[in-house]
C-alpha atoms as a PDB file:
ATOM      1  CA  MET A   1       4.918 -30.176 -22.355  1.00  0.00           C
ATOM      2  CA  SER A   2       5.695 -28.306 -19.046  1.00  0.00           C
ATOM      3  CA  ALA A   3       8.652 -26.728 -17.437  1.00  0.00           C
ATOM      4  CA  ALA A   4      11.388 -28.756 -15.873  1.00  0.00           C
ATOM      5  CA  GLN A   5      11.750 -28.639 -12.524  1.00  0.00           C
ATOM      6  CA  GLY A   6      13.551 -26.239 -11.113  1.00  0.00           C
ATOM      7  CA  SER A   7      14.070 -24.066 -14.173  1.00  0.00           C
ATOM      8  CA  LEU A   8      13.848 -20.322 -14.249  1.00  0.00           C
ATOM      9  CA  GLY A   9       9.964 -19.241 -15.511  1.00  0.00           C
ATOM     10  CA  TRP A  10       9.516 -15.971 -14.819  1.00  0.00           C
ATOM     11  CA  LEU A  11      10.415 -12.638 -13.206  1.00  0.00           C
ATOM     12  CA  ASP A  12       7.843  -9.752 -11.567  1.00  0.00           C
ATOM     13  CA  LEU A  13       8.222  -6.575  -9.688  1.00  0.00           C
ATOM     14  CA  THR A  14       5.489  -6.376  -6.770  1.00  0.00           C
ATOM     15  CA  VAL A  15       5.586  -2.603  -6.076  1.00  0.00           C
ATOM     16  CA  PRO A  16       2.594  -0.164  -4.518  1.00  0.00           C
ATOM     17  CA  ASP A  17       2.866   1.996  -7.246  1.00  0.00           C
ATOM     18  CA  PRO A  18       4.216   0.290 -10.345  1.00  0.00           C
ATOM     19  CA  ASP A  19       3.401   3.187 -13.337  1.00  0.00           C
ATOM     20  CA  ALA A  20       5.754   5.285 -11.540  1.00  0.00           C
ATOM     21  CA  LEU A  21       8.748   3.146 -11.733  1.00  0.00           C
ATOM     22  CA  LEU A  22       7.102   1.835 -15.909  1.00  0.00           C
ATOM     23  CA  GLU A  23       9.465   5.349 -16.949  1.00  0.00           C
ATOM     24  CA  PHE A  24      12.726   3.999 -14.962  1.00  0.00           C
ATOM     25  CA  TYR A  25      12.310   1.029 -16.538  1.00  0.00           C
ATOM     26  CA  ARG A  26      11.725   2.343 -20.508  1.00  0.00           C
ATOM     27  CA  ARG A  27      14.480   4.556 -20.055  1.00  0.00           C
ATOM     28  CA  THR A  28      16.854   2.490 -18.158  1.00  0.00           C
ATOM     29  CA  LEU A  29      16.567  -1.211 -19.926  1.00  0.00           C
ATOM     30  CA  GLY A  30      14.671  -0.216 -23.027  1.00  0.00           C
ATOM     31  CA  TRP A  31      11.711  -2.275 -22.124  1.00  0.00           C
ATOM     32  CA  LYS A  32       8.484  -1.254 -23.459  1.00  0.00           C
ATOM     33  CA  SER A  33       5.147  -2.653 -22.061  1.00  0.00           C
ATOM     34  CA  GLU A  34       1.546  -3.905 -22.908  1.00  0.00           C
ATOM     35  CA  PRO A  35      -1.095  -3.503 -19.889  1.00  0.00           C
ATOM     36  CA  VAL A  36      -2.493  -6.301 -18.345  1.00  0.00           C
ATOM     37  CA  ALA A  37      -6.194  -5.865 -17.061  1.00  0.00           C
ATOM     38  CA  MET A  38      -6.639  -6.634 -13.378  1.00  0.00           C
ATOM     39  CA  ALA A  39      -9.527  -6.407 -11.045  1.00  0.00           C
ATOM     40  CA  ASP A  40      -9.999  -6.614  -7.195  1.00  0.00           C
ATOM     41  CA  ALA A  41     -12.550  -5.174  -4.757  1.00  0.00           C
ATOM     42  CA  GLN A  42     -11.567  -1.799  -4.989  1.00  0.00           C
ATOM     43  CA  GLY A  43     -12.078  -2.042  -9.233  1.00  0.00           C
ATOM     44  CA  GLY A  44      -9.924  -2.522 -12.101  1.00  0.00           C
ATOM     45  CA  TYR A  45      -6.619  -1.343 -12.893  1.00  0.00           C
ATOM     46  CA  ALA A  46      -3.348  -2.776 -14.808  1.00  0.00           C
ATOM     47  CA  ASP A  47      -0.321  -4.103 -14.003  1.00  0.00           C
ATOM     48  CA  HIS A  48       2.051  -4.079 -16.922  1.00  0.00           C
ATOM     49  CA  LEU A  49       3.922  -6.657 -19.205  1.00  0.00           C
ATOM     50  CA  LEU A  50       7.595  -5.230 -19.166  1.00  0.00           C
ATOM     51  CA  LEU A  51       8.977  -6.735 -23.448  1.00  0.00           C
ATOM     52  CA  ASP A  52      12.431  -6.380 -24.636  1.00  0.00           C
ATOM     53  CA  ALA A  53      13.449  -4.480 -27.414  1.00  0.00           C
ATOM     54  CA  ALA A  54      12.683  -7.109 -29.888  1.00  0.00           C
ATOM     55  CA  GLY A  55       8.792  -7.276 -28.117  1.00  0.00           C
ATOM     56  CA  ARG A  56       9.592 -10.336 -26.359  1.00  0.00           C
ATOM     57  CA  PRO A  57       8.342 -11.096 -22.721  1.00  0.00           C
ATOM     58  CA  VAL A  58      10.611 -10.631 -20.144  1.00  0.00           C
ATOM     59  CA  ALA A  59       9.237  -9.862 -16.559  1.00  0.00           C
ATOM     60  CA  GLY A  60       5.673  -8.369 -15.149  1.00  0.00           C
ATOM     61  CA  LEU A  61       5.489  -4.894 -13.634  1.00  0.00           C
ATOM     62  CA  CYS A  62       2.660  -5.368 -10.926  1.00  0.00           C
ATOM     63  CA  HIS A  63       0.287  -3.218  -8.413  1.00  0.00           C
ATOM     64  CA  ALA A  64       0.958  -4.727  -4.392  1.00  0.00           C
ATOM     65  CA  ARG A  65      -3.038  -4.990  -4.047  1.00  0.00           C
ATOM     66  CA  GLY A  66      -5.931  -7.685  -5.479  1.00  0.00           C
ATOM     67  CA  GLN A  67      -3.940 -10.968  -5.465  1.00  0.00           C
ATOM     68  CA  ASN A  68      -0.420  -9.607  -5.260  1.00  0.00           C
ATOM     69  CA  LEU A  69      -1.102  -8.338  -2.174  1.00  0.00           C
ATOM     70  CA  GLY A  70       1.683  -8.915   0.378  1.00  0.00           C
ATOM     71  CA  VAL A  71       3.981  -9.983  -2.047  1.00  0.00           C
ATOM     72  CA  PRO A  72       7.533  -8.480  -1.265  1.00  0.00           C
ATOM     73  CA  PRO A  73       8.656  -5.371  -3.605  1.00  0.00           C
ATOM     74  CA  VAL A  74      11.556  -7.386  -4.988  1.00  0.00           C
ATOM     75  CA  TRP A  75      12.803  -9.088  -8.330  1.00  0.00           C
ATOM     76  CA  LEU A  76      11.106 -12.315  -7.835  1.00  0.00           C
ATOM     77  CA  ALA A  77      12.287 -14.963  -9.766  1.00  0.00           C
ATOM     78  CA  TYR A  78       9.434 -17.997 -10.281  1.00  0.00           C
ATOM     79  CA  ILE A  79      10.677 -21.912 -10.552  1.00  0.00           C
ATOM     80  CA  HIS A  80       8.632 -24.047 -11.689  1.00  0.00           C
ATOM     81  CA  VAL A  81       8.149 -27.501  -9.566  1.00  0.00           C
ATOM     82  CA  ASP A  82       6.564 -30.784 -10.294  1.00  0.00           C
ATOM     83  CA  ASP A  83       4.175 -30.482  -7.177  1.00  0.00           C
ATOM     84  CA  LEU A  84       4.135 -27.053  -5.462  1.00  0.00           C
ATOM     85  CA  ASP A  85       2.331 -28.669  -2.123  1.00  0.00           C
ATOM     86  CA  LEU A  86       5.645 -31.128  -1.761  1.00  0.00           C
ATOM     87  CA  ALA A  87       8.109 -28.482  -2.037  1.00  0.00           C
ATOM     88  CA  LEU A  88       6.611 -26.189   0.473  1.00  0.00           C
ATOM     89  CA  ASP A  89       6.481 -29.302   2.560  1.00  0.00           C
ATOM     90  CA  ARG A  90      10.253 -29.447   1.955  1.00  0.00           C
ATOM     91  CA  ALA A  91      11.019 -25.958   2.034  1.00  0.00           C
ATOM     92  CA  ARG A  92       9.486 -25.584   5.355  1.00  0.00           C
ATOM     93  CA  ALA A  93      11.522 -28.728   6.750  1.00  0.00           C
ATOM     94  CA  GLY A  94      14.589 -27.551   5.478  1.00  0.00           C
ATOM     95  CA  GLY A  95      14.243 -24.076   7.592  1.00  0.00           C
ATOM     96  CA  GLY A  96      12.298 -22.032   5.041  1.00  0.00           C
ATOM     97  CA  ALA A  97       8.947 -20.142   5.147  1.00  0.00           C
ATOM     98  CA  VAL A  98       6.087 -19.717   2.989  1.00  0.00           C
ATOM     99  CA  LEU A  99       5.418 -16.003   2.698  1.00  0.00           C
ATOM    100  CA  HIS A 100       2.359 -15.856   0.265  1.00  0.00           C
ATOM    101  CA  GLY A 101       0.341 -18.662  -0.749  1.00  0.00           C
ATOM    102  CA  PRO A 102      -0.638 -20.927  -2.309  1.00  0.00           C
ATOM    103  CA  ARG A 103      -2.730 -19.180  -4.459  1.00  0.00           C
ATOM    104  CA  SER A 104      -3.794 -19.773  -8.256  1.00  0.00           C
ATOM    105  CA  ALA A 105      -1.783 -17.469 -10.663  1.00  0.00           C
ATOM    106  CA  GLY A 106      -2.485 -18.008 -14.653  1.00  0.00           C
ATOM    107  CA  ALA A 107      -2.242 -21.696 -15.622  1.00  0.00           C
ATOM    108  CA  GLY A 108      -0.956 -22.822 -12.252  1.00  0.00           C
ATOM    109  CA  ARG A 109      -0.776 -22.349  -8.220  1.00  0.00           C
ATOM    110  CA  MET A 110       2.290 -20.324  -7.001  1.00  0.00           C
ATOM    111  CA  ALA A 111       3.740 -19.550  -3.422  1.00  0.00           C
ATOM    112  CA  VAL A 112       6.504 -17.506  -2.688  1.00  0.00           C
ATOM    113  CA  ILE A 113       8.751 -18.376  -0.122  1.00  0.00           C
ATOM    114  CA  ARG A 114      11.910 -17.494   1.960  1.00  0.00           C
ATOM    115  CA  ASP A 115      15.170 -19.696   2.068  1.00  0.00           C
ATOM    116  CA  PRO A 116      17.173 -20.159   4.984  1.00  0.00           C
ATOM    117  CA  ALA A 117      19.364 -17.266   4.056  1.00  0.00           C
ATOM    118  CA  GLY A 118      16.623 -14.836   3.725  1.00  0.00           C
ATOM    119  CA  THR A 119      16.201 -14.825   0.098  1.00  0.00           C
ATOM    120  CA  VAL A 120      12.792 -14.647  -1.309  1.00  0.00           C
ATOM    121  CA  LEU A 121      11.444 -17.081  -4.356  1.00  0.00           C
ATOM    122  CA  ALA A 122       8.228 -17.706  -5.950  1.00  0.00           C
ATOM    123  CA  LEU A 123       7.807 -21.315  -6.798  1.00  0.00           C
ATOM    124  CA  TYR A 124       5.285 -22.486  -9.868  1.00  0.00           C
ATOM    125  CA  GLN A 125       3.467 -25.558 -10.667  1.00  0.00           C
ATOM    126  CA  GLY A 126       1.832 -25.470 -14.283  1.00  0.00           C
END
């Protein structure tokens, strides 16, 4: 079963040095982390899957490199859509802009958009 159109799916924070922020979120929120193997033209590295105190995944803490190069450094909410291309067309027609993507992500595709007020979010089609 796919997620419902318009539902919140995930949160990511993409920054140049996520390793330096990891301790902040551990101390501040009690989050734990697990490495997520990544690779780009410069070699391998690890992003972070952030887990709550019960060990449930809550967010990702990512490097601004590889497939995330150019993603803004904000807590990025991923909203599910049934048809990514149609949603991007509608966003543009409504005064929004596509900032990054579309591209493959996990078992689907995603793109980062900005709404007419300047708010940044991601759209994800599973």
